[in-house]
Amino acid sequence: MPSVFKKFVENGRVAYYNRGEKIEQLTVIIQIIDQNRVLVQDVEDSGRYQVNLKHIDLTDFVVKASHKNTKEDVVSVLKTDDIIAKWKATDVYKKFDGRNKRRGLSDFERFKVR
């Protein structure tokens, strides 16, 4: 019987924050702590954080990463696999990008966009 689920929480899974101050930023799952929390390495800053799984959404992308890797290792794997470009081509990123563009518009500019 085929599986209904396509995305699994696993080491190396690329995800993005769905709430908080880092909303819409990419991160990579480095280690699974328990059924509710994971250790993630952020792509844009140098931190590793313990995150509740409710605060991130999984993407289709998986890279080879473990808790032994440094930030530079994770970023280089993302660049060699061209994950950032693939992420920017997804519908989710385009929705985030459009939302962020509309946030910066004035009333008149929003009227012109319609």
N, C-alpha and C. Protein backbone atom coordinates (compact mmCIF):
# COMPACT_ATOMS: atom_id res chain seq x y z
N MET A 1 0.84 -1.17 0.00
CA MET A 1 0.00 0.00 0.00
C MET A 1 0.89 1.25 0.00
N PRO A 2 0.66 2.18 -0.91
CA PRO A 2 1.50 3.38 -0.97
C PRO A 2 1.27 4.30 0.23
N SER A 3 2.32 5.00 0.59
CA SER A 3 2.25 5.90 1.73
C SER A 3 1.53 7.19 1.36
N VAL A 4 0.74 7.71 2.27
CA VAL A 4 0.02 8.95 2.06
C VAL A 4 0.97 10.14 2.25
N PHE A 5 1.93 9.98 3.13
CA PHE A 5 2.83 11.07 3.48
C PHE A 5 4.04 11.08 2.55
N LYS A 6 4.46 12.28 2.16
CA LYS A 6 5.60 12.43 1.26
C LYS A 6 6.81 13.06 1.95
N LYS A 7 6.57 13.89 2.94
CA LYS A 7 7.64 14.60 3.63
C LYS A 7 7.75 14.06 5.05
N PHE A 8 8.95 13.65 5.42
CA PHE A 8 9.17 13.10 6.74
C PHE A 8 10.20 13.93 7.49
N VAL A 9 10.07 13.99 8.80
CA VAL A 9 11.06 14.67 9.63
C VAL A 9 12.28 13.76 9.68
N GLU A 10 13.39 14.25 9.14
CA GLU A 10 14.62 13.47 9.08
C GLU A 10 15.81 14.41 9.08
N ASN A 11 16.97 13.87 9.40
CA ASN A 11 18.19 14.67 9.37
C ASN A 11 18.45 15.12 7.94
N GLY A 12 18.72 16.42 7.79
CA GLY A 12 19.00 16.97 6.48
C GLY A 12 17.78 17.53 5.77
N ARG A 13 16.61 17.40 6.32
CA ARG A 13 15.41 17.94 5.69
C ARG A 13 15.43 19.46 5.77
N VAL A 14 15.21 20.12 4.67
CA VAL A 14 15.16 21.57 4.63
C VAL A 14 13.73 21.99 5.00
N ALA A 15 13.64 23.00 5.87
CA ALA A 15 12.34 23.48 6.33
C ALA A 15 12.38 25.00 6.38
N TYR A 16 11.23 25.59 6.66
CA TYR A 16 11.16 27.03 6.86
C TYR A 16 10.28 27.32 8.06
N TYR A 17 10.58 28.46 8.71
CA TYR A 17 9.82 28.85 9.90
C TYR A 17 8.45 29.36 9.46
N ASN A 18 7.41 28.97 10.18
CA ASN A 18 6.07 29.43 9.85
C ASN A 18 5.53 30.44 10.85
N ARG A 19 6.30 30.78 11.86
CA ARG A 19 5.90 31.79 12.83
C ARG A 19 7.13 32.31 13.56
N GLY A 20 6.93 33.40 14.27
CA GLY A 20 8.02 33.98 15.05
C GLY A 20 8.79 35.04 14.29
N GLU A 21 9.89 35.47 14.88
CA GLU A 21 10.68 36.54 14.27
C GLU A 21 11.45 36.07 13.04
N LYS A 22 11.63 34.79 12.86
CA LYS A 22 12.36 34.26 11.70
C LYS A 22 11.43 33.70 10.64
N ILE A 23 10.21 34.15 10.61
CA ILE A 23 9.21 33.60 9.70
C ILE A 23 9.72 33.66 8.25
N GLU A 24 9.49 32.60 7.53
CA GLU A 24 9.82 32.44 6.11
C GLU A 24 11.31 32.23 5.86
N GLN A 25 12.14 32.03 6.89
CA GLN A 25 13.56 31.78 6.69
C GLN A 25 13.83 30.28 6.61
N LEU A 26 14.78 29.92 5.76
CA LEU A 26 15.13 28.51 5.60
C LEU A 26 15.99 28.01 6.75
N THR A 27 15.83 26.75 7.04
CA THR A 27 16.62 26.08 8.07
C THR A 27 16.77 24.61 7.68
N VAL A 28 17.76 23.94 8.25
CA VAL A 28 18.01 22.54 7.97
C VAL A 28 17.94 21.76 9.28
N ILE A 29 17.19 20.67 9.29
CA ILE A 29 17.09 19.84 10.48
C ILE A 29 18.39 19.06 10.62
N ILE A 30 19.06 19.23 11.75
CA ILE A 30 20.35 18.60 12.00
C ILE A 30 20.18 17.33 12.83
N GLN A 31 19.29 17.37 13.81
CA GLN A 31 19.12 16.22 14.68
C GLN A 31 17.71 16.24 15.26
N ILE A 32 17.14 15.06 15.43
CA ILE A 32 15.82 14.94 16.03
C ILE A 32 16.01 14.72 17.53
N ILE A 33 15.40 15.58 18.34
CA ILE A 33 15.54 15.49 19.79
C ILE A 33 14.50 14.53 20.36
N ASP A 34 13.25 14.80 20.08
CA ASP A 34 12.16 13.90 20.46
C ASP A 34 11.02 14.10 19.46
N GLN A 35 9.84 13.61 19.78
CA GLN A 35 8.76 13.65 18.80
C GLN A 35 8.19 15.05 18.57
N ASN A 36 8.59 16.01 19.39
CA ASN A 36 8.08 17.38 19.24
C ASN A 36 9.15 18.40 18.89
N ARG A 37 10.42 18.08 19.09
CA ARG A 37 11.48 19.07 18.93
C ARG A 37 12.60 18.54 18.05
N VAL A 38 13.23 19.47 17.33
CA VAL A 38 14.39 19.14 16.51
C VAL A 38 15.45 20.22 16.70
N LEU A 39 16.69 19.85 16.39
CA LEU A 39 17.80 20.79 16.39
C LEU A 39 17.99 21.23 14.95
N VAL A 40 17.96 22.55 14.70
CA VAL A 40 18.06 23.06 13.34
C VAL A 40 19.26 23.98 13.21
N GLN A 41 19.80 24.04 12.00
CA GLN A 41 20.88 24.98 11.65
C GLN A 41 20.28 25.98 10.68
N ASP A 42 20.30 27.26 11.07
CA ASP A 42 19.76 28.28 10.18
C ASP A 42 20.70 28.52 9.02
N VAL A 43 20.13 28.85 7.89
CA VAL A 43 20.92 29.09 6.68
C VAL A 43 21.48 30.50 6.69
N GLU A 44 20.71 31.47 7.15
CA GLU A 44 21.11 32.87 7.04
C GLU A 44 21.98 33.35 8.19
N ASP A 45 21.75 32.87 9.40
CA ASP A 45 22.63 33.25 10.50
C ASP A 45 23.37 32.02 11.00
N SER A 46 24.21 32.19 11.98
CA SER A 46 25.12 31.10 12.36
C SER A 46 24.60 30.25 13.50
N GLY A 47 23.35 30.40 13.85
CA GLY A 47 22.87 29.72 15.04
C GLY A 47 22.30 28.34 14.81
N ARG A 48 22.40 27.54 15.85
CA ARG A 48 21.69 26.26 15.92
C ARG A 48 20.69 26.41 17.04
N TYR A 49 19.46 26.01 16.75
CA TYR A 49 18.40 26.22 17.70
C TYR A 49 17.56 24.96 17.88
N GLN A 50 17.01 24.83 19.04
CA GLN A 50 16.04 23.80 19.32
C GLN A 50 14.67 24.38 18.98
N VAL A 51 13.94 23.71 18.09
CA VAL A 51 12.69 24.26 17.58
C VAL A 51 11.59 23.22 17.72
N ASN A 52 10.41 23.69 18.10
CA ASN A 52 9.25 22.84 18.13
C ASN A 52 8.80 22.58 16.69
N LEU A 53 8.36 21.38 16.40
CA LEU A 53 7.96 21.04 15.04
C LEU A 53 6.73 21.81 14.57
N LYS A 54 5.98 22.36 15.49
CA LYS A 54 4.83 23.19 15.11
C LYS A 54 5.27 24.53 14.54
N HIS A 55 6.52 24.92 14.76
CA HIS A 55 7.00 26.22 14.32
C HIS A 55 7.72 26.17 12.98
N ILE A 56 7.84 25.00 12.38
CA ILE A 56 8.48 24.89 11.07
C ILE A 56 7.59 24.06 10.15
N ASP A 57 7.73 24.32 8.86
CA ASP A 57 7.06 23.53 7.82
C ASP A 57 8.14 22.89 6.96
N LEU A 58 7.93 21.64 6.59
CA LEU A 58 8.92 20.90 5.82
C LEU A 58 8.79 21.21 4.34
N THR A 59 9.92 21.18 3.64
CA THR A 59 9.93 21.33 2.19
C THR A 59 10.21 19.97 1.56
N ASP A 60 10.26 19.93 0.26
CA ASP A 60 10.53 18.69 -0.46
C ASP A 60 12.02 18.36 -0.52
N PHE A 61 12.87 19.26 -0.07
CA PHE A 61 14.31 19.13 -0.25
C PHE A 61 14.98 18.45 0.94
N VAL A 62 15.93 17.57 0.63
CA VAL A 62 16.72 16.89 1.66
C VAL A 62 18.18 17.00 1.25
N VAL A 63 19.03 17.37 2.21
CA VAL A 63 20.47 17.42 1.97
C VAL A 63 21.15 16.47 2.95
N LYS A 64 22.40 16.18 2.70
CA LYS A 64 23.15 15.31 3.59
C LYS A 64 23.75 16.17 4.69
N ALA A 65 23.19 16.05 5.89
CA ALA A 65 23.65 16.86 7.03
C ALA A 65 23.47 16.07 8.31
N SER A 66 24.37 16.31 9.24
CA SER A 66 24.27 15.69 10.56
C SER A 66 24.70 16.70 11.61
N HIS A 67 24.62 16.32 12.87
CA HIS A 67 24.98 17.24 13.95
C HIS A 67 26.47 17.52 13.99
N LYS A 68 27.27 16.73 13.28
CA LYS A 68 28.72 16.95 13.25
C LYS A 68 29.13 18.06 12.29
N ASN A 69 28.27 18.40 11.35
CA ASN A 69 28.60 19.39 10.35
C ASN A 69 28.61 20.80 10.94
N THR A 70 29.51 21.63 10.41
CA THR A 70 29.55 23.03 10.81
C THR A 70 28.58 23.82 9.93
N LYS A 71 28.43 25.10 10.25
CA LYS A 71 27.55 25.94 9.44
C LYS A 71 28.05 26.03 8.01
N GLU A 72 29.36 26.14 7.85
CA GLU A 72 29.94 26.24 6.52
C GLU A 72 29.66 24.98 5.70
N ASP A 73 29.71 23.82 6.35
CA ASP A 73 29.41 22.56 5.66
C ASP A 73 27.96 22.54 5.17
N VAL A 74 27.05 22.98 6.01
CA VAL A 74 25.63 22.97 5.64
C VAL A 74 25.38 23.94 4.49
N VAL A 75 25.96 25.14 4.56
CA VAL A 75 25.76 26.13 3.51
C VAL A 75 26.39 25.65 2.20
N SER A 76 27.55 25.01 2.26
CA SER A 76 28.19 24.53 1.03
C SER A 76 27.37 23.40 0.39
N VAL A 77 26.78 22.54 1.21
CA VAL A 77 25.92 21.48 0.67
C VAL A 77 24.69 22.09 0.00
N LEU A 78 24.13 23.13 0.61
CA LEU A 78 22.98 23.80 0.01
C LEU A 78 23.34 24.44 -1.33
N LYS A 79 24.55 24.99 -1.41
CA LYS A 79 24.98 25.62 -2.67
C LYS A 79 25.29 24.58 -3.75
N THR A 80 25.93 23.49 -3.38
CA THR A 80 26.26 22.48 -4.38
C THR A 80 25.02 21.77 -4.91
N ASP A 81 24.03 21.57 -4.04
CA ASP A 81 22.78 20.95 -4.48
C ASP A 81 21.82 21.96 -5.08
N ASP A 82 22.18 23.25 -5.06
CA ASP A 82 21.38 24.33 -5.64
C ASP A 82 19.99 24.41 -4.99
N ILE A 83 19.95 24.22 -3.69
CA ILE A 83 18.69 24.20 -2.95
C ILE A 83 18.07 25.59 -2.90
N ILE A 84 18.88 26.63 -2.75
CA ILE A 84 18.34 27.98 -2.64
C ILE A 84 17.60 28.36 -3.92
N ALA A 85 18.17 28.05 -5.08
CA ALA A 85 17.50 28.36 -6.35
C ALA A 85 16.22 27.53 -6.51
N LYS A 86 16.28 26.28 -6.11
CA LYS A 86 15.08 25.44 -6.17
C LYS A 86 14.00 25.96 -5.23
N TRP A 87 14.41 26.45 -4.05
CA TRP A 87 13.46 27.01 -3.09
C TRP A 87 12.79 28.25 -3.67
N LYS A 88 13.57 29.10 -4.35
CA LYS A 88 13.01 30.33 -4.91
C LYS A 88 12.07 30.04 -6.08
N ALA A 89 12.11 28.84 -6.63
CA ALA A 89 11.22 28.48 -7.72
C ALA A 89 9.91 27.86 -7.23
N THR A 90 9.78 27.62 -5.93
CA THR A 90 8.57 26.98 -5.41
C THR A 90 7.44 28.00 -5.28
N ASP A 91 6.23 27.50 -5.26
CA ASP A 91 5.05 28.35 -5.11
C ASP A 91 5.00 28.99 -3.72
N VAL A 92 5.48 28.29 -2.72
CA VAL A 92 5.46 28.83 -1.35
C VAL A 92 6.35 30.07 -1.26
N TYR A 93 7.54 30.01 -1.84
CA TYR A 93 8.44 31.16 -1.82
C TYR A 93 7.83 32.32 -2.59
N LYS A 94 7.21 32.04 -3.72
CA LYS A 94 6.60 33.11 -4.53
C LYS A 94 5.47 33.77 -3.75
N LYS A 95 4.72 33.00 -2.99
CA LYS A 95 3.66 33.57 -2.16
C LYS A 95 4.26 34.47 -1.08
N PHE A 96 5.33 34.02 -0.42
CA PHE A 96 6.00 34.83 0.59
C PHE A 96 6.56 36.11 -0.02
N ASP A 97 7.18 35.99 -1.19
CA ASP A 97 7.79 37.14 -1.86
C ASP A 97 6.72 38.17 -2.23
N GLY A 98 5.61 37.72 -2.78
CA GLY A 98 4.54 38.64 -3.13
C GLY A 98 3.95 39.32 -1.91
N ARG A 99 3.81 38.57 -0.82
CA ARG A 99 3.28 39.14 0.42
C ARG A 99 4.23 40.21 0.96
N ASN A 100 5.53 39.95 0.90
CA ASN A 100 6.50 40.92 1.40
C ASN A 100 6.55 42.17 0.52
N LYS A 101 6.38 42.01 -0.77
CA LYS A 101 6.35 43.17 -1.67
C LYS A 101 5.13 44.04 -1.38
N ARG A 102 3.97 43.42 -1.16
CA ARG A 102 2.76 44.17 -0.87
C ARG A 102 2.84 44.90 0.47
N ARG A 103 3.57 44.32 1.42
CA ARG A 103 3.71 44.98 2.73
C ARG A 103 4.43 46.32 2.61
N GLY A 104 5.33 46.44 1.67
CA GLY A 104 6.12 47.66 1.53
C GLY A 104 5.47 48.73 0.68
N LEU A 105 4.29 48.47 0.14
CA LEU A 105 3.64 49.43 -0.74
C LEU A 105 2.78 50.42 0.04
N SER A 106 2.62 51.60 -0.54
CA SER A 106 1.69 52.58 0.03
C SER A 106 0.29 52.29 -0.51
N ASP A 107 -0.69 53.08 -0.07
CA ASP A 107 -2.06 52.88 -0.53
C ASP A 107 -2.17 53.06 -2.04
N PHE A 108 -1.55 54.09 -2.55
CA PHE A 108 -1.64 54.36 -3.98
C PHE A 108 -0.96 53.26 -4.79
N GLU A 109 0.21 52.80 -4.34
CA GLU A 109 0.90 51.72 -5.05
C GLU A 109 0.10 50.43 -5.02
N ARG A 110 -0.56 50.16 -3.92
CA ARG A 110 -1.43 48.97 -3.85
C ARG A 110 -2.60 49.09 -4.81
N PHE A 111 -3.12 50.31 -4.96
CA PHE A 111 -4.21 50.53 -5.90
C PHE A 111 -3.74 50.29 -7.33
N LYS A 112 -2.50 50.70 -7.65
CA LYS A 112 -1.98 50.50 -9.01
C LYS A 112 -1.75 49.01 -9.30
N VAL A 113 -1.40 48.24 -8.29
CA VAL A 113 -1.12 46.82 -8.47
C VAL A 113 -2.37 46.07 -8.88
N ARG A 114 -3.53 46.47 -8.35
CA ARG A 114 -4.77 45.78 -8.69
C ARG A 114 -5.03 45.91 -10.13
